[in-house]
N, C-alpha and C. Protein backbone atom coordinates (compact mmCIF):
# COMPACT_ATOMS: atom_id res chain seq x y z
N MET A 1 -54.54 -29.09 -23.41
CA MET A 1 -55.14 -27.45 -23.12
C MET A 1 -54.24 -27.19 -24.71
N ALA A 2 -54.68 -26.43 -24.83
CA ALA A 2 -54.57 -25.43 -26.24
C ALA A 2 -52.72 -24.56 -26.32
N ASP A 3 -52.17 -24.19 -27.13
CA ASP A 3 -51.38 -23.78 -26.27
C ASP A 3 -51.23 -22.46 -25.47
N ILE A 4 -50.39 -22.54 -24.86
CA ILE A 4 -50.39 -21.27 -23.32
C ILE A 4 -50.61 -19.98 -24.16
N ASP A 5 -49.71 -20.25 -25.07
CA ASP A 5 -49.49 -18.58 -25.85
C ASP A 5 -50.46 -18.06 -26.65
N GLN A 6 -51.31 -19.14 -26.47
CA GLN A 6 -52.21 -18.12 -27.81
C GLN A 6 -54.03 -18.44 -27.09
N LEU A 7 -53.20 -18.23 -25.93
CA LEU A 7 -55.11 -18.36 -25.06
C LEU A 7 -55.17 -17.18 -24.95
N PRO A 8 -56.70 -16.95 -25.39
CA PRO A 8 -57.30 -15.31 -24.98
C PRO A 8 -56.94 -14.79 -23.66
N PRO A 9 -56.53 -13.34 -23.56
CA PRO A 9 -55.92 -12.82 -22.49
C PRO A 9 -57.95 -12.47 -21.52
N THR A 10 -58.38 -13.40 -20.72
CA THR A 10 -59.10 -13.00 -19.93
C THR A 10 -58.95 -13.33 -18.53
N ARG A 11 -59.89 -13.10 -17.64
CA ARG A 11 -59.40 -13.39 -16.65
C ARG A 11 -59.44 -14.59 -16.11
N THR A 12 -61.11 -15.15 -16.59
CA THR A 12 -60.83 -16.40 -16.64
C THR A 12 -60.00 -17.17 -16.72
N VAL A 13 -59.21 -17.69 -17.91
CA VAL A 13 -57.99 -17.91 -18.66
C VAL A 13 -56.88 -17.31 -16.85
N LEU A 14 -56.93 -15.94 -17.28
CA LEU A 14 -55.64 -15.76 -16.23
C LEU A 14 -55.49 -16.27 -14.57
N LEU A 15 -56.83 -16.65 -14.08
CA LEU A 15 -56.85 -17.40 -13.15
C LEU A 15 -56.83 -18.88 -12.97
N GLN A 16 -57.44 -19.30 -14.00
CA GLN A 16 -56.56 -21.11 -14.21
C GLN A 16 -55.12 -20.77 -14.92
N LEU A 17 -54.73 -19.74 -15.61
CA LEU A 17 -53.26 -20.12 -15.46
C LEU A 17 -52.06 -20.15 -13.88
N ARG A 18 -52.85 -19.30 -13.35
CA ARG A 18 -52.00 -18.95 -12.04
C ARG A 18 -52.00 -19.76 -11.50
N SER A 19 -53.54 -20.90 -11.45
CA SER A 19 -53.71 -22.23 -10.60
C SER A 19 -52.99 -23.33 -11.34
N ASP A 20 -52.30 -23.47 -12.09
CA ASP A 20 -51.67 -24.04 -13.35
C ASP A 20 -50.03 -24.41 -12.65
N LEU A 21 -50.07 -22.92 -12.62
CA LEU A 21 -48.81 -22.75 -12.51
C LEU A 21 -48.05 -22.80 -10.85
N ARG A 22 -49.41 -22.89 -10.00
CA ARG A 22 -48.70 -22.70 -8.66
C ARG A 22 -48.50 -24.82 -8.68
N GLU A 23 -49.65 -25.23 -9.51
CA GLU A 23 -49.33 -26.92 -9.54
C GLU A 23 -47.64 -27.28 -9.74
N ALA A 24 -47.61 -26.23 -10.70
CA ALA A 24 -46.42 -26.67 -11.70
C ALA A 24 -44.79 -26.76 -10.79
N GLU A 25 -45.47 -25.40 -9.68
CA GLU A 25 -43.98 -24.78 -8.89
C GLU A 25 -43.99 -25.95 -7.77
N GLN A 26 -45.47 -26.43 -7.43
CA GLN A 26 -45.51 -27.65 -6.30
C GLN A 26 -44.37 -28.94 -6.98
N GLY A 27 -44.73 -28.90 -8.21
CA GLY A 27 -44.72 -30.74 -8.66
C GLY A 27 -42.94 -30.44 -8.82
N TYR A 28 -42.49 -29.01 -9.13
CA TYR A 28 -41.49 -29.02 -9.51
C TYR A 28 -40.88 -29.31 -8.16
N GLY A 29 -41.24 -28.99 -6.86
CA GLY A 29 -40.45 -28.78 -5.56
C GLY A 29 -40.59 -29.91 -5.63
N LEU A 30 -41.04 -31.10 -5.33
CA LEU A 30 -41.57 -32.17 -5.28
C LEU A 30 -40.79 -33.20 -5.87
N LEU A 31 -40.37 -32.89 -7.26
CA LEU A 31 -39.41 -33.58 -8.41
C LEU A 31 -37.99 -33.09 -7.67
N GLU A 32 -37.78 -31.96 -7.21
CA GLU A 32 -36.65 -31.33 -7.07
C GLU A 32 -35.98 -32.24 -5.74
N ARG A 33 -37.37 -32.63 -5.05
CA ARG A 33 -37.00 -33.35 -3.78
C ARG A 33 -36.62 -35.21 -3.91
N LYS A 34 -37.43 -35.14 -4.69
CA LYS A 34 -36.96 -36.57 -5.39
C LYS A 34 -35.61 -36.69 -6.01
N ARG A 35 -35.51 -35.84 -6.63
CA ARG A 35 -34.14 -35.77 -7.47
C ARG A 35 -32.91 -36.02 -6.10
N GLU A 36 -33.25 -35.19 -5.08
CA GLU A 36 -31.94 -35.17 -3.95
C GLU A 36 -31.90 -36.29 -3.29
N VAL A 37 -33.22 -37.24 -2.84
CA VAL A 37 -32.82 -38.13 -2.14
C VAL A 37 -32.45 -39.40 -2.98
N LEU A 38 -32.94 -39.46 -4.22
CA LEU A 38 -31.98 -40.50 -5.19
C LEU A 38 -30.77 -39.96 -5.22
N LEU A 39 -30.43 -38.95 -5.48
CA LEU A 39 -29.09 -38.59 -5.68
C LEU A 39 -28.28 -39.17 -4.33
N GLN A 40 -28.94 -38.87 -3.37
CA GLN A 40 -28.13 -39.11 -1.98
C GLN A 40 -27.93 -40.62 -2.26
N GLU A 41 -29.08 -41.38 -2.18
CA GLU A 41 -28.94 -42.70 -2.22
C GLU A 41 -27.96 -43.92 -3.22
N LEU A 42 -27.87 -43.03 -4.42
CA LEU A 42 -27.45 -43.66 -5.25
C LEU A 42 -25.73 -43.26 -4.44
N TRP A 43 -25.20 -42.68 -4.49
CA TRP A 43 -23.94 -42.26 -3.81
C TRP A 43 -23.58 -43.25 -2.85
N GLY A 44 -24.55 -43.45 -1.82
CA GLY A 44 -24.01 -44.70 -1.39
C GLY A 44 -23.86 -45.68 -1.63
N LEU A 45 -25.15 -45.98 -2.47
CA LEU A 45 -24.61 -47.67 -3.20
C LEU A 45 -23.35 -47.21 -4.20
N LEU A 46 -22.93 -46.34 -4.87
CA LEU A 46 -21.72 -46.08 -5.56
C LEU A 46 -21.00 -46.70 -4.07
N ARG A 47 -20.53 -46.11 -3.78
CA ARG A 47 -19.71 -46.59 -2.84
C ARG A 47 -19.64 -48.49 -2.10
N GLN A 48 -20.91 -48.69 -1.70
CA GLN A 48 -21.09 -50.00 -1.91
C GLN A 48 -20.33 -50.66 -3.40
N VAL A 49 -20.44 -50.46 -4.18
CA VAL A 49 -20.39 -50.95 -5.34
C VAL A 49 -18.97 -50.62 -5.85
N GLU A 50 -18.20 -49.77 -4.93
CA GLU A 50 -16.68 -49.51 -4.97
C GLU A 50 -15.81 -50.40 -4.02
N GLN A 51 -16.55 -50.94 -3.10
CA GLN A 51 -15.98 -52.04 -1.97
C GLN A 51 -16.01 -53.55 -2.44
N SER A 52 -17.33 -53.26 -2.73
CA SER A 52 -17.90 -54.71 -3.08
C SER A 52 -17.08 -55.41 -4.31
N GLU A 53 -16.49 -54.32 -5.27
CA GLU A 53 -15.80 -54.68 -6.35
C GLU A 53 -14.35 -55.03 -5.47
N LYS A 54 -14.04 -54.39 -4.92
CA LYS A 54 -12.56 -55.33 -4.64
C LYS A 54 -12.91 -55.89 -3.58
N ASP A 55 -14.00 -56.46 -3.29
CA ASP A 55 -13.95 -57.55 -2.70
C ASP A 55 -14.45 -58.80 -3.65
N VAL A 56 -15.45 -58.60 -4.49
CA VAL A 56 -14.84 -59.61 -5.78
C VAL A 56 -13.62 -60.10 -6.32
N ARG A 57 -13.23 -58.82 -6.74
CA ARG A 57 -11.70 -59.05 -7.35
C ARG A 57 -11.03 -60.23 -6.16
N LYS A 58 -11.16 -59.62 -5.03
CA LYS A 58 -10.05 -60.64 -4.06
C LYS A 58 -10.10 -62.04 -4.17
N ARG A 59 -12.01 -62.54 -4.02
CA ARG A 59 -12.47 -63.39 -3.91
C ARG A 59 -11.87 -64.25 -5.06
N PHE A 60 -12.51 -63.57 -6.61
CA PHE A 60 -11.40 -64.11 -7.32
C PHE A 60 -9.51 -64.67 -7.54
N GLU A 61 -9.48 -63.67 -7.16
CA GLU A 61 -8.08 -63.88 -7.11
C GLU A 61 -7.51 -65.27 -6.37
N ALA A 62 -8.58 -64.87 -5.25
CA ALA A 62 -8.29 -66.56 -4.43
C ALA A 62 -8.27 -67.90 -5.20
N ALA A 63 -9.60 -67.65 -5.13
CA ALA A 63 -10.07 -68.80 -5.80
C ALA A 63 -9.40 -69.02 -7.48
N TYR A 64 -8.68 -68.66 -8.02
CA TYR A 64 -8.29 -68.72 -9.50
C TYR A 64 -6.53 -69.23 -8.69
N ARG A 65 -5.85 -68.38 -7.67
CA ARG A 65 -4.82 -69.14 -6.88
C ARG A 65 -5.02 -70.57 -6.51
N ALA A 66 -6.27 -71.11 -5.42
CA ALA A 66 -6.74 -72.46 -5.46
C ALA A 66 -6.55 -73.26 -6.77
N LEU A 67 -7.32 -72.80 -7.70
CA LEU A 67 -7.39 -73.51 -8.60
C LEU A 67 -5.90 -74.21 -9.52
N ARG A 68 -5.44 -73.16 -9.37
CA ARG A 68 -3.74 -73.08 -9.91
C ARG A 68 -3.09 -74.39 -9.25
N ARG A 69 -3.10 -74.34 -7.67
CA ARG A 69 -2.22 -75.30 -7.48
C ARG A 69 -2.87 -76.39 -7.54
N ALA A 70 -4.48 -76.60 -7.30
CA ALA A 70 -4.67 -78.24 -7.65
C ALA A 70 -4.54 -78.43 -8.56
N ARG A 71 -4.47 -77.73 -9.63
CA ARG A 71 -4.14 -78.23 -11.54
C ARG A 71 -2.84 -78.65 -10.91
N LEU A 72 -2.40 -77.91 -10.41
CA LEU A 72 -0.45 -78.29 -10.53
C LEU A 72 -0.03 -79.88 -9.59
N ALA A 73 -0.96 -79.74 -8.61
CA ALA A 73 -1.21 -81.30 -7.42
C ALA A 73 -1.92 -82.41 -8.10
N LEU A 74 -2.72 -82.33 -8.90
CA LEU A 74 -3.64 -83.44 -9.56
C LEU A 74 -3.23 -83.27 -10.57
N GLY A 75 -3.60 -81.96 -11.46
CA GLY A 75 -3.19 -81.97 -12.85
C GLY A 75 -4.99 -81.78 -13.33
N SER A 76 -4.60 -80.96 -14.99
CA SER A 76 -6.08 -80.53 -15.09
C SER A 76 -7.08 -81.27 -15.48
N GLU A 77 -7.03 -82.49 -15.89
CA GLU A 77 -8.22 -83.36 -16.14
C GLU A 77 -8.56 -83.88 -14.82
N ARG A 78 -8.04 -84.09 -13.96
CA ARG A 78 -8.46 -84.62 -12.63
C ARG A 78 -9.26 -83.57 -12.05
N VAL A 79 -8.63 -82.38 -12.38
CA VAL A 79 -9.71 -81.30 -11.59
C VAL A 79 -11.11 -81.01 -12.51
N LEU A 80 -10.86 -81.06 -13.77
CA LEU A 80 -11.98 -80.77 -14.39
C LEU A 80 -12.99 -82.00 -14.16
N TRP A 81 -12.74 -83.06 -14.06
CA TRP A 81 -13.81 -83.98 -13.85
C TRP A 81 -14.24 -83.76 -12.44
N SER A 82 -13.74 -83.64 -11.57
CA SER A 82 -13.96 -83.11 -10.06
C SER A 82 -15.13 -82.27 -10.36
N ALA A 83 -14.71 -80.97 -11.15
CA ALA A 83 -15.65 -79.89 -11.16
C ALA A 83 -16.88 -80.11 -11.82
N LEU A 84 -17.34 -80.92 -12.47
CA LEU A 84 -18.48 -81.33 -13.23
C LEU A 84 -19.38 -81.79 -12.26
N ALA A 85 -19.27 -82.42 -11.01
CA ALA A 85 -20.29 -82.54 -10.03
C ALA A 85 -20.68 -81.58 -9.46
N PRO A 86 -22.33 -81.27 -8.94
CA PRO A 86 -22.76 -80.20 -8.24
C PRO A 86 -21.97 -79.60 -6.80
N ALA A 87 -21.33 -78.58 -6.63
CA ALA A 87 -20.49 -78.82 -5.44
C ALA A 87 -21.05 -77.70 -4.17
N ALA A 88 -22.85 -77.39 -4.46
CA ALA A 88 -23.93 -76.70 -3.45
C ALA A 88 -25.40 -76.53 -3.93
N TYR A 89 -25.79 -76.23 -2.98
CA TYR A 89 -27.23 -76.05 -3.99
C TYR A 89 -27.27 -74.33 -3.22
N THR A 90 -27.97 -73.91 -4.54
CA THR A 90 -27.89 -72.33 -4.06
C THR A 90 -29.62 -71.65 -3.52
N HIS A 91 -29.70 -71.75 -2.43
CA HIS A 91 -31.37 -70.69 -2.19
C HIS A 91 -30.88 -69.63 -2.19
N TYR A 92 -32.26 -68.82 -2.75
CA TYR A 92 -32.45 -67.53 -3.15
C TYR A 92 -33.74 -66.76 -2.73
N ALA A 93 -33.85 -65.70 -2.42
CA ALA A 93 -35.35 -64.78 -2.28
C ALA A 93 -35.12 -63.11 -2.65
N ILE A 94 -35.51 -62.66 -3.44
CA ILE A 94 -35.78 -61.23 -3.65
C ILE A 94 -36.84 -60.79 -2.70
N GLU A 95 -36.16 -59.60 -2.34
CA GLU A 95 -37.58 -58.48 -1.84
C GLU A 95 -36.99 -57.15 -2.23
N LEU A 96 -38.20 -56.30 -2.42
CA LEU A 96 -37.94 -54.77 -2.79
C LEU A 96 -38.65 -53.79 -1.94
N ARG A 97 -37.48 -53.09 -1.96
CA ARG A 97 -37.93 -52.06 -0.97
C ARG A 97 -38.08 -49.95 -2.08
N ASN A 98 -38.57 -50.03 -1.34
CA ASN A 98 -38.96 -48.95 -2.33
C ASN A 98 -37.87 -47.30 -1.25
N VAL A 99 -37.80 -46.55 -2.51
CA VAL A 99 -37.27 -45.44 -2.63
C VAL A 99 -37.51 -44.59 -3.70
N MET A 100 -38.70 -43.88 -2.62
CA MET A 100 -39.24 -42.50 -4.29
C MET A 100 -40.22 -43.27 -4.80
N GLY A 101 -40.70 -44.18 -4.87
CA GLY A 101 -40.86 -45.07 -5.88
C GLY A 101 -40.26 -45.67 -7.05
N VAL A 102 -39.25 -46.02 -6.77
CA VAL A 102 -37.95 -47.08 -7.29
C VAL A 102 -38.36 -48.41 -6.23
N ALA A 103 -38.40 -49.03 -6.87
CA ALA A 103 -38.27 -50.57 -6.68
C ALA A 103 -36.44 -50.83 -6.33
N LEU A 104 -35.94 -51.03 -5.26
CA LEU A 104 -34.49 -51.88 -5.07
C LEU A 104 -34.81 -53.40 -4.95
N PRO A 105 -34.21 -54.13 -5.80
CA PRO A 105 -34.31 -55.90 -5.37
C PRO A 105 -32.62 -55.33 -4.08
N GLN A 106 -33.28 -56.09 -3.05
CA GLN A 106 -32.22 -57.03 -1.87
C GLN A 106 -32.73 -58.82 -2.38
N LEU A 107 -31.13 -58.78 -2.65
CA LEU A 107 -31.21 -60.45 -2.76
C LEU A 107 -30.74 -61.24 -1.32
N HIS A 108 -31.03 -61.99 -0.96
CA HIS A 108 -31.54 -63.23 0.05
C HIS A 108 -30.67 -64.35 -0.60
N LEU A 109 -29.30 -64.45 -0.17
CA LEU A 109 -28.39 -65.63 -1.30
C LEU A 109 -27.98 -66.61 0.01
N ARG A 110 -28.01 -67.98 -0.25
CA ARG A 110 -27.98 -69.51 0.58
C ARG A 110 -27.33 -70.42 -0.04
N ILE A 111 -25.73 -70.39 0.13
CA ILE A 111 -24.95 -71.31 -0.86
C ILE A 111 -24.81 -72.49 0.45
N GLU A 112 -25.35 -73.50 0.42
CA GLU A 112 -25.64 -74.70 1.35
C GLU A 112 -24.35 -75.64 0.34
N PRO A 113 -23.10 -75.68 0.59
CA PRO A 113 -22.28 -76.63 0.38
C PRO A 113 -23.12 -78.59 0.51
N LEU A 114 -22.70 -78.79 -1.05
CA LEU A 114 -22.97 -80.92 -0.94
C LEU A 114 -21.73 -81.25 -0.88
N PRO A 115 -22.25 -82.65 0.05
CA PRO A 115 -20.26 -83.11 0.14
C PRO A 115 -20.05 -83.64 -0.71
N LEU A 116 -18.86 -84.07 -0.41
CA LEU A 116 -18.01 -84.13 -1.50
C LEU A 116 -17.97 -85.27 -2.37
N PRO A 117 -18.01 -84.78 -3.70
CA PRO A 117 -18.22 -85.42 -4.62
C PRO A 117 -17.14 -86.26 -5.43
N TYR A 118 -16.05 -86.79 -4.69
CA TYR A 118 -15.36 -87.64 -4.88
C TYR A 118 -14.43 -88.15 -4.07
N SER A 119 -13.91 -89.24 -3.55
CA SER A 119 -13.55 -89.78 -2.33
C SER A 119 -12.35 -89.45 -2.59
N GLY A 120 -11.52 -89.38 -1.20
CA GLY A 120 -10.02 -88.70 -0.42
C GLY A 120 -9.55 -89.55 -0.85
N TRP A 121 -9.50 -90.44 -1.71
CA TRP A 121 -8.11 -91.42 -2.58
C TRP A 121 -7.74 -90.79 -3.53
N GLY A 122 -6.20 -90.31 -3.80
CA GLY A 122 -6.29 -90.03 -4.87
C GLY A 122 -6.70 -88.63 -5.48
N THR A 123 -6.87 -88.00 -4.43
CA THR A 123 -7.04 -86.02 -4.41
C THR A 123 -6.06 -85.88 -3.47
N SER A 124 -6.32 -84.10 -3.09
CA SER A 124 -5.75 -83.51 -2.76
C SER A 124 -6.63 -81.99 -1.72
N THR A 125 -5.39 -81.93 -0.66
CA THR A 125 -6.89 -81.02 0.20
C THR A 125 -6.42 -79.74 -0.54
N THR A 126 -5.49 -79.48 -1.52
CA THR A 126 -5.83 -78.49 -2.79
C THR A 126 -7.08 -78.53 -3.35
N LEU A 127 -7.98 -79.17 -3.76
CA LEU A 127 -8.89 -79.40 -4.31
C LEU A 127 -9.91 -78.72 -3.50
N ASP A 128 -10.07 -79.48 -2.36
CA ASP A 128 -10.90 -79.18 -0.68
C ASP A 128 -10.81 -77.77 -1.04
N GLU A 129 -9.74 -76.99 -1.20
CA GLU A 129 -9.83 -75.30 -0.94
C GLU A 129 -9.93 -74.95 -1.88
N ALA A 130 -9.71 -75.48 -3.31
CA ALA A 130 -9.94 -74.77 -4.45
C ALA A 130 -11.80 -74.59 -4.34
N ARG A 131 -12.23 -76.03 -4.05
CA ARG A 131 -14.23 -75.78 -4.02
C ARG A 131 -14.23 -74.90 -3.14
N GLU A 132 -13.93 -74.56 -1.91
CA GLU A 132 -14.07 -73.51 -1.07
C GLU A 132 -14.18 -72.22 -1.11
N ARG A 133 -12.73 -72.06 -2.22
CA ARG A 133 -12.93 -70.44 -2.62
C ARG A 133 -13.49 -70.26 -3.91
N TRP A 134 -14.28 -71.19 -4.53
CA TRP A 134 -15.13 -70.80 -5.36
C TRP A 134 -17.07 -70.23 -4.42
N LEU A 135 -16.84 -71.37 -3.66
CA LEU A 135 -18.46 -70.87 -3.18
C LEU A 135 -18.20 -69.98 -2.92
N GLU A 136 -17.00 -69.35 -2.05
CA GLU A 136 -17.14 -67.80 -1.39
C GLU A 136 -17.07 -66.77 -2.15
N VAL A 137 -16.48 -67.19 -4.35
CA VAL A 137 -16.75 -66.03 -5.16
C VAL A 137 -18.50 -65.91 -5.25
N GLY A 138 -19.60 -67.11 -5.50
CA GLY A 138 -20.62 -67.24 -5.28
C GLY A 138 -21.41 -66.62 -4.29
N GLU A 139 -21.12 -66.31 -2.89
CA GLU A 139 -21.53 -65.64 -1.67
C GLU A 139 -21.25 -64.22 -2.53
N ILE A 140 -19.75 -63.56 -2.38
CA ILE A 140 -20.06 -62.21 -2.66
C ILE A 140 -21.18 -61.67 -3.78
N LEU A 141 -20.85 -62.63 -4.64
CA LEU A 141 -21.54 -62.32 -6.29
C LEU A 141 -22.86 -61.99 -5.38
N GLY A 142 -23.40 -62.39 -5.30
CA GLY A 142 -24.82 -62.43 -4.58
C GLY A 142 -24.74 -60.40 -4.16
N THR A 143 -23.81 -60.70 -3.30
CA THR A 143 -24.16 -59.04 -2.58
C THR A 143 -23.85 -58.49 -3.95
N TRP A 144 -22.94 -58.12 -4.58
CA TRP A 144 -22.33 -57.48 -5.95
C TRP A 144 -23.23 -57.37 -6.59
N THR A 145 -24.00 -58.17 -7.02
CA THR A 145 -25.24 -57.98 -8.14
C THR A 145 -26.36 -57.24 -7.54
N GLU A 146 -26.63 -57.17 -6.29
CA GLU A 146 -27.60 -56.84 -5.23
C GLU A 146 -27.40 -55.11 -5.60
N VAL A 147 -26.48 -55.13 -5.16
CA VAL A 147 -26.11 -53.49 -5.55
C VAL A 147 -26.27 -52.64 -6.51
N VAL A 148 -25.11 -53.62 -7.42
CA VAL A 148 -25.39 -53.13 -9.18
C VAL A 148 -26.45 -52.64 -9.11
N GLY A 149 -27.62 -54.09 -9.40
CA GLY A 149 -28.70 -53.73 -9.84
C GLY A 149 -29.46 -52.53 -9.16
N ALA A 150 -29.25 -52.06 -8.09
CA ALA A 150 -29.79 -51.27 -7.68
C ALA A 150 -29.22 -49.93 -8.45
N VAL A 151 -28.07 -49.53 -8.32
CA VAL A 151 -27.53 -48.46 -9.09
C VAL A 151 -28.15 -48.31 -10.18
N TRP A 152 -28.48 -49.56 -10.97
CA TRP A 152 -28.75 -48.98 -12.35
C TRP A 152 -30.03 -48.41 -12.62
N ARG A 153 -31.06 -49.31 -11.75
CA ARG A 153 -32.61 -48.72 -11.39
C ARG A 153 -32.47 -47.33 -10.86
N LEU A 154 -31.75 -47.07 -10.03
CA LEU A 154 -31.74 -45.95 -9.55
C LEU A 154 -30.67 -44.50 -10.13
N ALA A 155 -30.11 -45.10 -11.04
CA ALA A 155 -29.24 -43.95 -11.99
C ALA A 155 -30.36 -43.55 -12.83
N ALA A 156 -31.62 -44.96 -13.32
CA ALA A 156 -32.39 -44.61 -14.78
C ALA A 156 -33.41 -43.80 -14.22
N GLU A 157 -34.17 -43.97 -12.92
CA GLU A 157 -34.77 -42.81 -12.22
C GLU A 157 -34.79 -41.63 -12.26
N LEU A 158 -32.99 -41.67 -11.42
CA LEU A 158 -32.48 -40.26 -11.80
C LEU A 158 -32.68 -39.40 -12.61
N GLU A 159 -32.00 -39.91 -13.69
CA GLU A 159 -32.10 -39.57 -15.38
C GLU A 159 -33.12 -39.23 -15.49
N ARG A 160 -34.66 -39.65 -15.38
CA ARG A 160 -36.01 -39.46 -15.93
C ARG A 160 -36.18 -38.60 -14.93
N THR A 161 -35.74 -38.34 -13.56
CA THR A 161 -36.62 -37.14 -13.14
C THR A 161 -35.96 -36.16 -13.25
N GLN A 162 -34.34 -36.09 -13.59
CA GLN A 162 -33.92 -34.74 -13.98
C GLN A 162 -34.55 -33.98 -15.13
N ARG A 163 -34.99 -34.80 -16.17
CA ARG A 163 -35.19 -34.37 -17.08
C ARG A 163 -36.34 -33.77 -16.57
N ARG A 164 -37.41 -34.00 -16.22
CA ARG A 164 -38.73 -33.75 -15.36
C ARG A 164 -38.23 -32.16 -14.89
N VAL A 165 -37.54 -32.57 -14.29
CA VAL A 165 -37.14 -31.19 -13.18
C VAL A 165 -36.81 -30.14 -14.16
N ASN A 166 -35.88 -30.63 -15.27
CA ASN A 166 -35.46 -29.12 -16.18
C ASN A 166 -36.28 -28.62 -16.88
N ALA A 167 -37.50 -29.68 -17.42
CA ALA A 167 -38.60 -29.06 -18.36
C ALA A 167 -39.53 -28.34 -17.47
N LEU A 168 -39.44 -28.73 -16.25
CA LEU A 168 -40.53 -27.33 -15.61
C LEU A 168 -39.87 -26.45 -15.34
N LYS A 169 -38.33 -26.58 -15.03
CA LYS A 169 -37.80 -25.30 -14.27
C LYS A 169 -37.55 -24.50 -15.56
N HIS A 170 -37.18 -25.20 -16.60
CA HIS A 170 -36.20 -23.92 -17.81
C HIS A 170 -37.53 -23.94 -19.26
N VAL A 171 -38.74 -24.60 -19.28
CA VAL A 171 -39.47 -24.67 -20.21
C VAL A 171 -40.77 -23.93 -19.78
N LEU A 172 -41.73 -25.21 -18.73
CA LEU A 172 -43.44 -24.99 -18.11
C LEU A 172 -43.10 -23.83 -17.88
N ILE A 173 -42.97 -23.93 -16.37
CA ILE A 173 -42.82 -22.50 -15.47
C ILE A 173 -42.70 -21.17 -16.05
N PRO A 174 -41.80 -21.10 -17.23
CA PRO A 174 -41.29 -19.90 -17.77
C PRO A 174 -42.51 -19.30 -18.65
N ARG A 175 -42.83 -20.65 -19.41
CA ARG A 175 -43.88 -20.51 -20.52
C ARG A 175 -45.31 -20.01 -19.73
N TYR A 176 -45.36 -20.38 -18.73
CA TYR A 176 -46.98 -20.46 -17.86
C TYR A 176 -46.45 -18.96 -17.13
N GLU A 177 -45.03 -18.15 -16.66
CA GLU A 177 -44.89 -17.06 -16.04
C GLU A 177 -45.01 -15.98 -17.48
N ARG A 178 -44.41 -16.51 -18.53
CA ARG A 178 -44.69 -15.24 -19.85
C ARG A 178 -46.52 -14.81 -20.41
N ALA A 179 -46.70 -16.13 -20.15
CA ALA A 179 -48.07 -16.10 -20.47
C ALA A 179 -49.46 -15.52 -19.43
N ILE A 180 -48.65 -15.07 -17.91
CA ILE A 180 -49.66 -14.47 -17.48
C ILE A 180 -49.06 -13.06 -17.14
N GLN A 181 -47.76 -12.65 -17.76
CA GLN A 181 -47.32 -11.43 -17.50
C GLN A 181 -48.09 -11.04 -18.79
N ARG A 182 -48.59 -11.72 -19.97
CA ARG A 182 -48.85 -11.17 -21.04
C ARG A 182 -50.21 -11.06 -20.50
N ILE A 183 -51.17 -11.50 -20.24
CA ILE A 183 -52.52 -11.70 -19.98
C ILE A 183 -52.80 -10.34 -19.03
N GLU A 184 -52.07 -10.23 -18.02
CA GLU A 184 -52.00 -9.00 -17.39
C GLU A 184 -52.12 -7.83 -17.20
N ALA A 185 -51.03 -8.01 -18.99
CA ALA A 185 -50.25 -6.55 -19.20
C ALA A 185 -51.79 -6.42 -20.14
N VAL A 186 -52.18 -7.15 -20.87
CA VAL A 186 -53.42 -6.31 -21.60
C VAL A 186 -54.80 -6.23 -20.97
N LEU A 187 -55.16 -6.82 -19.66
CA LEU A 187 -56.43 -6.59 -18.46
C LEU A 187 -56.25 -5.29 -18.24
N GLU A 188 -54.42 -5.18 -17.84
CA GLU A 188 -54.61 -3.88 -17.19
C GLU A 188 -54.37 -2.73 -18.46
N GLU A 189 -54.31 -2.76 -19.67
CA GLU A 189 -54.73 -1.92 -20.56
C GLU A 189 -55.81 -1.55 -21.00
N GLN A 190 -56.46 -2.66 -20.75
CA GLN A 190 -58.26 -2.82 -21.27
C GLN A 190 -58.67 -1.91 -20.15
N GLU A 191 -58.18 -2.21 -18.73
CA GLU A 191 -58.48 -1.58 -17.44
C GLU A 191 -58.70 -0.05 -17.53
N ARG A 192 -57.57 0.58 -18.06
CA ARG A 192 -56.77 1.69 -18.49
C ARG A 192 -57.63 2.69 -19.53
N GLU A 193 -57.58 2.09 -19.63
CA GLU A 193 -58.85 2.52 -21.70
C GLU A 193 -60.37 2.05 -21.12
N SER A 194 -60.69 1.36 -20.21
CA SER A 194 -62.16 1.68 -19.92
C SER A 194 -61.84 2.66 -18.83
N PHE A 195 -60.98 2.65 -18.12
CA PHE A 195 -61.19 3.89 -17.66
C PHE A 195 -60.79 5.02 -18.00
N MET A 196 -60.03 5.56 -18.60
CA MET A 196 -60.46 6.53 -19.47
C MET A 196 -61.52 7.07 -20.41
N GLN A 197 -62.27 6.09 -21.04
CA GLN A 197 -63.34 6.04 -21.00
C GLN A 197 -64.52 6.36 -20.84
N ALA A 198 -64.64 5.84 -19.36
CA ALA A 198 -65.63 6.55 -18.87
C ALA A 198 -65.07 7.68 -18.01
N LYS A 199 -64.23 8.52 -18.01
CA LYS A 199 -63.95 9.64 -17.85
C LYS A 199 -64.23 10.76 -18.77
N ARG A 200 -64.17 10.17 -19.78
CA ARG A 200 -64.25 10.66 -21.42
C ARG A 200 -65.96 11.61 -21.61
N VAL A 201 -67.14 9.71 -21.11
CA VAL A 201 -68.20 10.22 -21.14
C VAL A 201 -68.65 11.31 -20.04
N LYS A 202 -68.12 10.79 -18.92
CA LYS A 202 -68.26 11.59 -17.29
C LYS A 202 -68.26 13.37 -18.35
N ARG A 203 -66.98 13.66 -18.65
CA ARG A 203 -66.63 14.72 -19.15
C ARG A 203 -67.62 15.07 -19.94
N LYS A 204 -67.94 14.16 -20.92
CA LYS A 204 -68.71 15.02 -21.91
C LYS A 204 -70.47 14.93 -21.28
N ARG A 205 -70.70 14.54 -20.55
CA ARG A 205 -72.28 14.64 -20.05
C ARG A 205 -71.94 15.49 -19.16
N GLY A 206 -70.95 16.03 -18.45
CA GLY A 206 -71.10 17.14 -17.77
C GLY A 206 -71.07 17.80 -18.77
N ASP A 207 -70.41 18.72 -19.68
CA ASP A 207 -70.09 19.60 -20.64
C ASP A 207 -71.71 19.49 -21.41
N GLU A 208 -72.03 18.31 -21.56
CA GLU A 208 -73.84 19.19 -22.10
C GLU A 208 -74.62 19.33 -21.14
N GLY A 209 -74.22 19.19 -19.76
CA GLY A 209 -75.06 19.77 -18.56
C GLY A 209 -75.21 21.12 -18.22
N GLU A 210 -73.84 21.67 -18.76
CA GLU A 210 -73.66 22.95 -18.49
C GLU A 210 -74.63 23.79 -19.80
């Protein structure tokens, strides 16, 4: 489309600009609604992130405490060798839920502990506890990853939507309104000029008739 400010002042152009303005205003309304929904969803997820980070921190602290106890009881080398064997199978599936066109991940995570990879001889219950605490860390990280991933996607889409809202509100819609006012003013002036010219012609014909 040509530059709005350079369009010729005709009725056809005026009708097209009015139609384009209505579409721009409708688009602005839809984008504003989308922005509100995304913002509401984002705030909810941010609260979940805050709680999830607290849970993650607690699980890590518990896991590190258990690991320190195991090292004190068995020695770092024995704990290291025990940790080389796999402790669990991880099963996961990712689904997507749609929020105003934004695909948000939903992670389904299941950690299946494996049989103890070491014999009971020469070990300590502290090693079992450390193993359990770190499996719990894996479980909570699944929830944390899901929420944080959703936050990043929503924040990126919210930023794009806000830019489009601002462009419509502060740039495109005002340009349409100015162009319409300009053309309406020109057409009104043309109508007044035509009316005055018609009156002059009529008056002249009346004078000639006398």
